[in-house]
């Protein structure tokens, strides 16, 4: 695996694969394009989470995905309604990627 070069001006977005649990089957993988945040931006984001709905949070942290359906608030809502574990999986992955915490099996 190639080493990643660190820069003082990181990309404004990053992509990460999220495993969405599928009831009665294996997890499905979706690559999301997440919004990067600095430490101060991340702290402010976390401080403002209380009372927010999952869809609001997802729209605040994601700006695209690799699904054939367009990335819209309506489609994010549909994903969250049809796959009940999707919001937690997406939000947990975002936190893990930004904080460097890798979740094990």
PDB file of N, CA and C in Angstrom:
ATOM      1  N   UNK A   1       0.848  -1.175   0.000  1.00  0.00           N
ATOM      2  CA  UNK A   1       0.000   0.000   0.000  1.00  0.00           C
ATOM      3  C   UNK A   1       0.895   1.240   0.000  1.00  0.00           C
ATOM      4  N   UNK A   2       0.561   2.170  -0.852  1.00  0.00           N
ATOM      5  CA  UNK A   2       1.347   3.404  -0.964  1.00  0.00           C
ATOM      6  C   UNK A   2       1.127   4.293   0.260  1.00  0.00           C
ATOM      7  N   UNK A   3       2.170   4.954   0.668  1.00  0.00           N
ATOM      8  CA  UNK A   3       2.081   5.899   1.788  1.00  0.00           C
ATOM      9  C   UNK A   3       1.382   7.166   1.335  1.00  0.00           C
ATOM     10  N   UNK A   4       0.517   7.686   2.166  1.00  0.00           N
ATOM     11  CA  UNK A   4      -0.179   8.935   1.885  1.00  0.00           C
ATOM     12  C   UNK A   4       0.706  10.088   2.329  1.00  0.00           C
ATOM     13  N   UNK A   5       0.798  11.095   1.488  1.00  0.00           N
ATOM     14  CA  UNK A   5       1.584  12.273   1.857  1.00  0.00           C
ATOM     15  C   UNK A   5       0.690  13.240   2.631  1.00  0.00           C
ATOM     16  N   UNK A   6       1.227  13.746   3.702  1.00  0.00           N
ATOM     17  CA  UNK A   6       0.522  14.708   4.541  1.00  0.00           C
ATOM     18  C   UNK A   6       0.869  16.109   4.060  1.00  0.00           C
ATOM     19  N   UNK A   7      -0.175  16.959   3.961  1.00  0.00           N
ATOM     20  CA  UNK A   7       0.045  18.360   3.608  1.00  0.00           C
ATOM     21  C   UNK A   7      -0.665  19.232   4.626  1.00  0.00           C
ATOM     22  N   UNK A   8      -0.263  20.469   4.716  1.00  0.00           N
ATOM     23  CA  UNK A   8      -0.904  21.400   5.646  1.00  0.00           C
ATOM     24  C   UNK A   8      -2.210  21.953   5.094  1.00  0.00           C
ATOM     25  N   UNK A   9      -2.484  21.684   3.825  1.00  0.00           N
ATOM     26  CA  UNK A   9      -3.747  22.090   3.208  1.00  0.00           C
ATOM     27  C   UNK A   9      -4.404  20.831   2.637  1.00  0.00           C
ATOM     28  N   UNK A  10      -5.125  20.091   3.497  1.00  0.00           N
ATOM     29  CA  UNK A  10      -5.743  18.851   3.031  1.00  0.00           C
ATOM     30  C   UNK A  10      -6.902  19.118   2.070  1.00  0.00           C
ATOM     31  N   UNK A  11      -7.273  18.081   1.340  1.00  0.00           N
ATOM     32  CA  UNK A  11      -8.415  18.187   0.441  1.00  0.00           C
ATOM     33  C   UNK A  11      -9.672  18.539   1.234  1.00  0.00           C
ATOM     34  N   UNK A  12     -10.603  19.284   0.623  1.00  0.00           N
ATOM     35  CA  UNK A  12     -11.836  19.655   1.330  1.00  0.00           C
ATOM     36  C   UNK A  12     -12.822  18.495   1.473  1.00  0.00           C
ATOM     37  N   UNK A  13     -12.596  17.413   0.733  1.00  0.00           N
ATOM     38  CA  UNK A  13     -13.455  16.233   0.840  1.00  0.00           C
ATOM     39  C   UNK A  13     -12.580  14.986   0.863  1.00  0.00           C
ATOM     40  N   UNK A  14     -13.175  13.898   1.317  1.00  0.00           N
ATOM     41  CA  UNK A  14     -12.511  12.595   1.265  1.00  0.00           C
ATOM     42  C   UNK A  14     -13.588  11.533   1.063  1.00  0.00           C
ATOM     43  N   UNK A  15     -13.188  10.438   0.461  1.00  0.00           N
ATOM     44  CA  UNK A  15     -14.123   9.339   0.208  1.00  0.00           C
ATOM     45  C   UNK A  15     -13.832   8.193   1.157  1.00  0.00           C
ATOM     46  N   UNK A  16     -14.898   7.522   1.577  1.00  0.00           N
ATOM     47  CA  UNK A  16     -14.753   6.362   2.452  1.00  0.00           C
ATOM     48  C   UNK A  16     -15.913   5.402   2.193  1.00  0.00           C
ATOM     49  N   UNK A  17     -15.587   4.115   2.223  1.00  0.00           N
ATOM     50  CA  UNK A  17     -16.599   3.079   2.025  1.00  0.00           C
ATOM     51  C   UNK A  17     -17.336   2.835   3.336  1.00  0.00           C
ATOM     52  N   UNK A  18     -18.667   2.832   3.251  1.00  0.00           N
ATOM     53  CA  UNK A  18     -19.505   2.577   4.423  1.00  0.00           C
ATOM     54  C   UNK A  18     -20.259   1.278   4.179  1.00  0.00           C
ATOM     55  N   UNK A  19     -20.195   0.381   5.142  1.00  0.00           N
ATOM     56  CA  UNK A  19     -20.949  -0.864   5.060  1.00  0.00           C
ATOM     57  C   UNK A  19     -22.330  -0.629   5.654  1.00  0.00           C
ATOM     58  N   UNK A  20     -23.346  -0.714   4.791  1.00  0.00           N
ATOM     59  CA  UNK A  20     -24.733  -0.523   5.221  1.00  0.00           C
ATOM     60  C   UNK A  20     -25.338  -1.904   5.472  1.00  0.00           C
ATOM     61  N   UNK A  21     -25.727  -2.207   6.706  1.00  0.00           N
ATOM     62  CA  UNK A  21     -26.345  -3.510   6.978  1.00  0.00           C
ATOM     63  C   UNK A  21     -27.640  -3.688   6.188  1.00  0.00           C
ATOM     64  N   UNK A  22     -27.786  -4.867   5.575  1.00  0.00           N
ATOM     65  CA  UNK A  22     -28.987  -5.208   4.814  1.00  0.00           C
ATOM     66  C   UNK A  22     -29.709  -6.311   5.584  1.00  0.00           C
ATOM     67  N   UNK A  23     -30.946  -6.063   6.020  1.00  0.00           N
ATOM     68  CA  UNK A  23     -31.669  -7.078   6.782  1.00  0.00           C
ATOM     69  C   UNK A  23     -31.742  -8.405   6.022  1.00  0.00           C
ATOM     70  N   UNK A  24     -31.371  -9.481   6.702  1.00  0.00           N
ATOM     71  CA  UNK A  24     -31.429 -10.804   6.104  1.00  0.00           C
ATOM     72  C   UNK A  24     -30.306 -11.104   5.131  1.00  0.00           C
ATOM     73  N   UNK A  25     -29.335 -10.221   5.019  1.00  0.00           N
ATOM     74  CA  UNK A  25     -28.249 -10.444   4.069  1.00  0.00           C
ATOM     75  C   UNK A  25     -26.960  -9.824   4.557  1.00  0.00           C
ATOM     76  N   UNK A  26     -25.982  -9.837   3.665  1.00  0.00           N
ATOM     77  CA  UNK A  26     -24.703  -9.215   3.976  1.00  0.00           C
ATOM     78  C   UNK A  26     -24.830  -7.698   3.874  1.00  0.00           C
ATOM     79  N   UNK A  27     -23.850  -7.008   4.386  1.00  0.00           N
ATOM     80  CA  UNK A  27     -23.831  -5.545   4.283  1.00  0.00           C
ATOM     81  C   UNK A  27     -23.535  -5.145   2.846  1.00  0.00           C
ATOM     82  N   UNK A  28     -24.126  -4.046   2.434  1.00  0.00           N
ATOM     83  CA  UNK A  28     -23.829  -3.475   1.123  1.00  0.00           C
ATOM     84  C   UNK A  28     -22.867  -2.308   1.294  1.00  0.00           C
ATOM     85  N   UNK A  29     -21.914  -2.199   0.382  1.00  0.00           N
ATOM     86  CA  UNK A  29     -20.928  -1.127   0.458  1.00  0.00           C
ATOM     87  C   UNK A  29     -21.350   0.068  -0.388  1.00  0.00           C
ATOM     88  N   UNK A  30     -21.254   1.247   0.194  1.00  0.00           N
ATOM     89  CA  UNK A  30     -21.509   2.494  -0.521  1.00  0.00           C
ATOM     90  C   UNK A  30     -20.341   3.428  -0.207  1.00  0.00           C
ATOM     91  N   UNK A  31     -19.751   3.996  -1.249  1.00  0.00           N
ATOM     92  CA  UNK A  31     -18.683   4.966  -1.037  1.00  0.00           C
ATOM     93  C   UNK A  31     -19.326   6.349  -0.945  1.00  0.00           C
ATOM     94  N   UNK A  32     -19.062   7.025   0.159  1.00  0.00           N
ATOM     95  CA  UNK A  32     -19.579   8.370   0.384  1.00  0.00           C
ATOM     96  C   UNK A  32     -18.444   9.366   0.230  1.00  0.00           C
ATOM     97  N   UNK A  33     -18.766  10.548  -0.272  1.00  0.00           N
ATOM     98  CA  UNK A  33     -17.807  11.647  -0.314  1.00  0.00           C
ATOM     99  C   UNK A  33     -18.154  12.555   0.862  1.00  0.00           C
ATOM    100  N   UNK A  34     -17.269  12.551   1.844  1.00  0.00           N
ATOM    101  CA  UNK A  34     -17.481  13.304   3.077  1.00  0.00           C
ATOM    102  C   UNK A  34     -16.798  14.662   3.015  1.00  0.00           C
ATOM    103  N   UNK A  35     -17.330  15.593   3.775  1.00  0.00           N
ATOM    104  CA  UNK A  35     -16.742  16.921   3.910  1.00  0.00           C
ATOM    105  C   UNK A  35     -15.679  16.877   5.014  1.00  0.00           C
ATOM    106  N   UNK A  36     -14.498  17.347   4.706  1.00  0.00           N
ATOM    107  CA  UNK A  36     -13.433  17.401   5.712  1.00  0.00           C
ATOM    108  C   UNK A  36     -13.659  18.605   6.628  1.00  0.00           C
ATOM    109  N   UNK A  37     -13.162  18.506   7.841  1.00  0.00           N
ATOM    110  CA  UNK A  37     -13.265  19.612   8.805  1.00  0.00           C
ATOM    111  C   UNK A  37     -11.956  19.725   9.562  1.00  0.00           C
ATOM    112  N   UNK A  38     -11.612  20.956   9.913  1.00  0.00           N
ATOM    113  CA  UNK A  38     -10.463  21.180  10.793  1.00  0.00           C
ATOM    114  C   UNK A  38     -10.887  20.823  12.220  1.00  0.00           C
ATOM    115  N   UNK A  39      -9.955  20.840  13.138  1.00  0.00           N
ATOM    116  CA  UNK A  39     -10.254  20.547  14.543  1.00  0.00           C
ATOM    117  C   UNK A  39     -11.327  21.501  15.074  1.00  0.00           C
ATOM    118  N   UNK A  40     -11.172  22.797  14.836  1.00  0.00           N
ATOM    119  CA  UNK A  40     -12.152  23.774  15.331  1.00  0.00           C
ATOM    120  C   UNK A  40     -13.520  23.561  14.686  1.00  0.00           C
ATOM    121  N   UNK A  41     -13.534  23.311  13.389  1.00  0.00           N
ATOM    122  CA  UNK A  41     -14.799  23.068  12.690  1.00  0.00           C
ATOM    123  C   UNK A  41     -15.467  21.795  13.210  1.00  0.00           C
ATOM    124  N   UNK A  42     -14.667  20.775  13.444  1.00  0.00           N
ATOM    125  CA  UNK A  42     -15.206  19.516  13.956  1.00  0.00           C
ATOM    126  C   UNK A  42     -15.772  19.700  15.357  1.00  0.00           C
ATOM    127  N   UNK A  43     -15.042  20.416  16.217  1.00  0.00           N
ATOM    128  CA  UNK A  43     -15.535  20.667  17.578  1.00  0.00           C
ATOM    129  C   UNK A  43     -16.856  21.421  17.551  1.00  0.00           C
ATOM    130  N   UNK A  44     -16.974  22.431  16.687  1.00  0.00           N
ATOM    131  CA  UNK A  44     -18.219  23.193  16.572  1.00  0.00           C
ATOM    132  C   UNK A  44     -19.337  22.313  16.032  1.00  0.00           C
ATOM    133  N   UNK A  45     -19.019  21.467  15.072  1.00  0.00           N
ATOM    134  CA  UNK A  45     -20.003  20.538  14.506  1.00  0.00           C
ATOM    135  C   UNK A  45     -20.539  19.614  15.596  1.00  0.00           C
ATOM    136  N   UNK A  46     -19.637  19.002  16.377  1.00  0.00           N
ATOM    137  CA  UNK A  46     -20.040  18.084  17.444  1.00  0.00           C
ATOM    138  C   UNK A  46     -20.885  18.813  18.488  1.00  0.00           C
ATOM    139  N   UNK A  47     -20.504  20.017  18.836  1.00  0.00           N
ATOM    140  CA  UNK A  47     -21.249  20.793  19.830  1.00  0.00           C
ATOM    141  C   UNK A  47     -22.668  21.104  19.366  1.00  0.00           C
ATOM    142  N   UNK A  48     -22.870  21.172  18.069  1.00  0.00           N
ATOM    143  CA  UNK A  48     -24.196  21.493  17.532  1.00  0.00           C
ATOM    144  C   UNK A  48     -25.033  20.297  17.132  1.00  0.00           C
ATOM    145  N   UNK A  49     -24.636  19.091  17.504  1.00  0.00           N
ATOM    146  CA  UNK A  49     -25.373  17.892  17.094  1.00  0.00           C
ATOM    147  C   UNK A  49     -26.677  17.657  17.852  1.00  0.00           C
ATOM    148  N   UNK A  50     -26.718  18.069  19.097  1.00  0.00           N
ATOM    149  CA  UNK A  50     -27.889  17.762  19.919  1.00  0.00           C
ATOM    150  C   UNK A  50     -29.173  18.284  19.275  1.00  0.00           C
ATOM    151  N   UNK A  51     -30.162  17.409  19.192  1.00  0.00           N
ATOM    152  CA  UNK A  51     -31.470  17.773  18.668  1.00  0.00           C
ATOM    153  C   UNK A  51     -31.592  17.701  17.151  1.00  0.00           C
ATOM    154  N   UNK A  52     -30.504  17.434  16.454  1.00  0.00           N
ATOM    155  CA  UNK A  52     -30.559  17.351  14.995  1.00  0.00           C
ATOM    156  C   UNK A  52     -31.005  15.969  14.553  1.00  0.00           C
ATOM    157  N   UNK A  53     -31.751  15.909  13.480  1.00  0.00           N
ATOM    158  CA  UNK A  53     -32.197  14.641  12.911  1.00  0.00           C
ATOM    159  C   UNK A  53     -31.063  14.027  12.097  1.00  0.00           C
ATOM    160  N   UNK A  54     -31.096  12.702  11.988  1.00  0.00           N
ATOM    161  CA  UNK A  54     -30.054  11.980  11.251  1.00  0.00           C
ATOM    162  C   UNK A  54     -29.873  12.525   9.835  1.00  0.00           C
ATOM    163  N   UNK A  55     -30.951  12.785   9.146  1.00  0.00           N
ATOM    164  CA  UNK A  55     -30.866  13.257   7.757  1.00  0.00           C
ATOM    165  C   UNK A  55     -30.173  14.616   7.695  1.00  0.00           C
ATOM    166  N   UNK A  56     -30.447  15.489   8.658  1.00  0.00           N
ATOM    167  CA  UNK A  56     -29.779  16.796   8.703  1.00  0.00           C
ATOM    168  C   UNK A  56     -28.278  16.622   8.887  1.00  0.00           C
ATOM    169  N   UNK A  57     -27.908  15.709   9.772  1.00  0.00           N
ATOM    170  CA  UNK A  57     -26.486  15.470  10.037  1.00  0.00           C
ATOM    171  C   UNK A  57     -25.818  14.902   8.789  1.00  0.00           C
ATOM    172  N   UNK A  58     -26.460  13.925   8.163  1.00  0.00           N
ATOM    173  CA  UNK A  58     -25.873  13.313   6.966  1.00  0.00           C
ATOM    174  C   UNK A  58     -25.700  14.356   5.865  1.00  0.00           C
ATOM    175  N   UNK A  59     -26.686  15.214   5.668  1.00  0.00           N
ATOM    176  CA  UNK A  59     -26.572  16.247   4.633  1.00  0.00           C
ATOM    177  C   UNK A  59     -25.467  17.252   4.971  1.00  0.00           C
ATOM    178  N   UNK A  60     -25.126  17.375   6.246  1.00  0.00           N
ATOM    179  CA  UNK A  60     -24.080  18.294   6.686  1.00  0.00           C
ATOM    180  C   UNK A  60     -22.675  17.693   6.554  1.00  0.00           C
ATOM    181  N   UNK A  61     -22.584  16.364   6.512  1.00  0.00           N
ATOM    182  CA  UNK A  61     -21.267  15.724   6.464  1.00  0.00           C
ATOM    183  C   UNK A  61     -20.937  15.094   5.117  1.00  0.00           C
ATOM    184  N   UNK A  62     -21.934  14.898   4.277  1.00  0.00           N
ATOM    185  CA  UNK A  62     -21.747  14.205   3.000  1.00  0.00           C
ATOM    186  C   UNK A  62     -22.110  15.147   1.857  1.00  0.00           C
ATOM    187  N   UNK A  63     -21.372  15.035   0.744  1.00  0.00           N
ATOM    188  CA  UNK A  63     -21.790  15.792  -0.437  1.00  0.00           C
ATOM    189  C   UNK A  63     -21.826  14.932  -1.693  1.00  0.00           C
ATOM    190  N   UNK A  64     -21.868  13.612  -1.518  1.00  0.00           N
ATOM    191  CA  UNK A  64     -22.018  12.731  -2.666  1.00  0.00           C
ATOM    192  C   UNK A  64     -21.868  11.271  -2.268  1.00  0.00           C
ATOM    193  N   UNK A  65     -22.300  10.387  -3.192  1.00  0.00           N
ATOM    194  CA  UNK A  65     -22.161   8.944  -2.979  1.00  0.00           C
ATOM    195  C   UNK A  65     -22.032   8.257  -4.313  1.00  0.00           C
ATOM    196  N   UNK A  66     -21.674   6.967  -4.301  1.00  0.00           N
ATOM    197  CA  UNK A  66     -21.486   6.244  -5.553  1.00  0.00           C
ATOM    198  C   UNK A  66     -22.695   5.389  -5.927  1.00  0.00           C
ATOM    199  N   UNK A  67     -23.868   5.775  -5.503  1.00  0.00           N
ATOM    200  CA  UNK A  67     -25.091   5.055  -5.864  1.00  0.00           C
ATOM    201  C   UNK A  67     -25.643   5.615  -7.182  1.00  0.00           C
ATOM    202  N   UNK A  68     -26.423   4.810  -7.914  1.00  0.00           N
ATOM    203  CA  UNK A  68     -26.976   5.303  -9.179  1.00  0.00           C
ATOM    204  C   UNK A  68     -28.003   6.428  -8.982  1.00  0.00           C
ATOM    205  N   UNK A  69     -28.587   6.503  -7.804  1.00  0.00           N
ATOM    206  CA  UNK A  69     -29.553   7.556  -7.503  1.00  0.00           C
ATOM    207  C   UNK A  69     -28.816   8.837  -7.137  1.00  0.00           C
ATOM    208  N   UNK A  70     -29.367   9.964  -7.519  1.00  0.00           N
ATOM    209  CA  UNK A  70     -28.752  11.260  -7.220  1.00  0.00           C
ATOM    210  C   UNK A  70     -28.667  11.457  -5.707  1.00  0.00           C
ATOM    211  N   UNK A  71     -27.606  12.134  -5.286  1.00  0.00           N
ATOM    212  CA  UNK A  71     -27.457  12.462  -3.872  1.00  0.00           C
ATOM    213  C   UNK A  71     -28.310  13.687  -3.586  1.00  0.00           C
ATOM    214  N   UNK A  72     -29.507  13.448  -3.047  1.00  0.00           N
ATOM    215  CA  UNK A  72     -30.440  14.514  -2.674  1.00  0.00           C
ATOM    216  C   UNK A  72     -30.965  14.221  -1.272  1.00  0.00           C
ATOM    217  N   UNK A  73     -31.504  15.239  -0.648  1.00  0.00           N
ATOM    218  CA  UNK A  73     -32.074  15.036   0.688  1.00  0.00           C
ATOM    219  C   UNK A  73     -33.196  14.000   0.644  1.00  0.00           C
ATOM    220  N   UNK A  74     -33.988  14.026  -0.409  1.00  0.00           N
ATOM    221  CA  UNK A  74     -35.089  13.068  -0.566  1.00  0.00           C
ATOM    222  C   UNK A  74     -34.553  11.629  -0.651  1.00  0.00           C
ATOM    223  N   UNK A  75     -33.474  11.432  -1.411  1.00  0.00           N
ATOM    224  CA  UNK A  75     -32.912  10.090  -1.542  1.00  0.00           C
ATOM    225  C   UNK A  75     -32.188   9.640  -0.277  1.00  0.00           C
ATOM    226  N   UNK A  76     -31.572  10.566   0.436  1.00  0.00           N
ATOM    227  CA  UNK A  76     -30.967  10.224   1.723  1.00  0.00           C
ATOM    228  C   UNK A  76     -32.062   9.794   2.696  1.00  0.00           C
ATOM    229  N   UNK A  77     -33.179  10.492   2.696  1.00  0.00           N
ATOM    230  CA  UNK A  77     -34.306  10.121   3.554  1.00  0.00           C
ATOM    231  C   UNK A  77     -34.816   8.730   3.195  1.00  0.00           C
ATOM    232  N   UNK A  78     -34.891   8.424   1.902  1.00  0.00           N
ATOM    233  CA  UNK A  78     -35.352   7.101   1.459  1.00  0.00           C
ATOM    234  C   UNK A  78     -34.377   6.020   1.932  1.00  0.00           C
ATOM    235  N   UNK A  79     -33.082   6.266   1.806  1.00  0.00           N
ATOM    236  CA  UNK A  79     -32.079   5.303   2.274  1.00  0.00           C
ATOM    237  C   UNK A  79     -32.256   5.046   3.766  1.00  0.00           C
ATOM    238  N   UNK A  80     -32.430   6.104   4.535  1.00  0.00           N
ATOM    239  CA  UNK A  80     -32.565   5.982   5.989  1.00  0.00           C
ATOM    240  C   UNK A  80     -33.855   5.274   6.392  1.00  0.00           C
ATOM    241  N   UNK A  81     -34.906   5.447   5.620  1.00  0.00           N
ATOM    242  CA  UNK A  81     -36.179   4.776   5.915  1.00  0.00           C
ATOM    243  C   UNK A  81     -36.134   3.298   5.571  1.00  0.00           C
ATOM    244  N   UNK A  82     -35.434   2.940   4.497  1.00  0.00           N
ATOM    245  CA  UNK A  82     -35.410   1.552   4.031  1.00  0.00           C
ATOM    246  C   UNK A  82     -34.331   0.721   4.703  1.00  0.00           C
ATOM    247  N   UNK A  83     -33.269   1.364   5.144  1.00  0.00           N
ATOM    248  CA  UNK A  83     -32.163   0.679   5.817  1.00  0.00           C
ATOM    249  C   UNK A  83     -31.958   1.370   7.159  1.00  0.00           C
ATOM    250  N   UNK A  84     -32.571   0.830   8.190  1.00  0.00           N
ATOM    251  CA  UNK A  84     -32.625   1.499   9.489  1.00  0.00           C
ATOM    252  C   UNK A  84     -31.258   1.737  10.123  1.00  0.00           C
ATOM    253  N   UNK A  85     -30.272   0.912   9.789  1.00  0.00           N
ATOM    254  CA  UNK A  85     -28.934   1.064  10.360  1.00  0.00           C
ATOM    255  C   UNK A  85     -28.056   2.025   9.571  1.00  0.00           C
ATOM    256  N   UNK A  86     -28.538   2.498   8.426  1.00  0.00           N
ATOM    257  CA  UNK A  86     -27.720   3.351   7.556  1.00  0.00           C
ATOM    258  C   UNK A  86     -27.255   4.637   8.240  1.00  0.00           C
ATOM    259  N   UNK A  87     -28.129   5.399   8.904  1.00  0.00           N
ATOM    260  CA  UNK A  87     -27.653   6.654   9.506  1.00  0.00           C
ATOM    261  C   UNK A  87     -26.498   6.440  10.485  1.00  0.00           C
ATOM    262  N   UNK A  88     -26.622   5.451  11.363  1.00  0.00           N
ATOM    263  CA  UNK A  88     -25.556   5.187  12.334  1.00  0.00           C
ATOM    264  C   UNK A  88     -24.277   4.776  11.620  1.00  0.00           C
ATOM    265  N   UNK A  89     -24.384   3.921  10.610  1.00  0.00           N
ATOM    266  CA  UNK A  89     -23.193   3.464   9.886  1.00  0.00           C
ATOM    267  C   UNK A  89     -22.484   4.636   9.207  1.00  0.00           C
ATOM    268  N   UNK A  90     -23.239   5.531   8.593  1.00  0.00           N
ATOM    269  CA  UNK A  90     -22.661   6.676   7.880  1.00  0.00           C
ATOM    270  C   UNK A  90     -21.999   7.638   8.862  1.00  0.00           C
ATOM    271  N   UNK A  91     -22.716   7.991   9.910  1.00  0.00           N
ATOM    272  CA  UNK A  91     -22.204   8.958  10.881  1.00  0.00           C
ATOM    273  C   UNK A  91     -21.008   8.380  11.641  1.00  0.00           C
ATOM    274  N   UNK A  92     -21.085   7.107  12.028  1.00  0.00           N
ATOM    275  CA  UNK A  92     -19.956   6.468  12.721  1.00  0.00           C
ATOM    276  C   UNK A  92     -18.714   6.451  11.836  1.00  0.00           C
ATOM    277  N   UNK A  93     -18.889   6.163  10.546  1.00  0.00           N
ATOM    278  CA  UNK A  93     -17.743   6.132   9.630  1.00  0.00           C
ATOM    279  C   UNK A  93     -17.103   7.512   9.528  1.00  0.00           C
ATOM    280  N   UNK A  94     -17.935   8.554   9.457  1.00  0.00           N
ATOM    281  CA  UNK A  94     -17.421   9.920   9.377  1.00  0.00           C
ATOM    282  C   UNK A  94     -16.560  10.253  10.598  1.00  0.00           C
ATOM    283  N   UNK A  95     -17.095   9.947  11.775  1.00  0.00           N
ATOM    284  CA  UNK A  95     -16.345  10.213  13.003  1.00  0.00           C
ATOM    285  C   UNK A  95     -15.055   9.411  13.032  1.00  0.00           C
ATOM    286  N   UNK A  96     -15.117   8.140  12.641  1.00  0.00           N
ATOM    287  CA  UNK A  96     -13.930   7.284  12.642  1.00  0.00           C
ATOM    288  C   UNK A  96     -12.865   7.815  11.700  1.00  0.00           C
ATOM    289  N   UNK A  97     -13.266   8.267  10.531  1.00  0.00           N
ATOM    290  CA  UNK A  97     -12.312   8.774   9.547  1.00  0.00           C
ATOM    291  C   UNK A  97     -11.661  10.074  10.030  1.00  0.00           C
ATOM    292  N   UNK A  98     -12.451  10.983  10.579  1.00  0.00           N
ATOM    293  CA  UNK A  98     -11.895  12.269  11.019  1.00  0.00           C
ATOM    294  C   UNK A  98     -11.026  12.141  12.260  1.00  0.00           C
ATOM    295  N   UNK A  99     -11.367  11.228  13.146  1.00  0.00           N
ATOM    296  CA  UNK A  99     -10.626  11.117  14.394  1.00  0.00           C
ATOM    297  C   UNK A  99      -9.544  10.051  14.342  1.00  0.00           C
ATOM    298  N   UNK A 100      -9.497   9.292  13.248  1.00  0.00           N
ATOM    299  CA  UNK A 100      -8.484   8.268  13.109  1.00  0.00           C
ATOM    300  C   UNK A 100      -8.775   6.995  13.870  1.00  0.00           C
ATOM    301  N   UNK A 101     -10.000   6.852  14.364  1.00  0.00           N
ATOM    302  CA  UNK A 101     -10.388   5.660  15.091  1.00  0.00           C
ATOM    303  C   UNK A 101     -10.932   4.659  14.083  1.00  0.00           C
ATOM    304  N   UNK A 102     -10.315   3.520  14.000  1.00  0.00           N
ATOM    305  CA  UNK A 102     -10.762   2.474  13.095  1.00  0.00           C
ATOM    306  C   UNK A 102     -11.592   1.481  13.898  1.00  0.00           C
ATOM    307  N   UNK A 103     -12.825   1.241  13.441  1.00  0.00           N
ATOM    308  CA  UNK A 103     -13.701   0.322  14.133  1.00  0.00           C
ATOM    309  C   UNK A 103     -13.368  -1.105  13.708  1.00  0.00           C
ATOM    310  N   UNK A 104     -13.201  -2.002  14.665  1.00  0.00           N
ATOM    311  CA  UNK A 104     -12.904  -3.389  14.358  1.00  0.00           C
ATOM    312  C   UNK A 104     -14.177  -4.208  14.254  1.00  0.00           C
ATOM    313  N   UNK A 105     -13.998  -5.489  13.916  1.00  0.00           N
ATOM    314  CA  UNK A 105     -15.168  -6.392  13.801  1.00  0.00           C
ATOM    315  C   UNK A 105     -15.556  -6.901  15.147  1.00  0.00           C
TER     316      UNK A 105
END
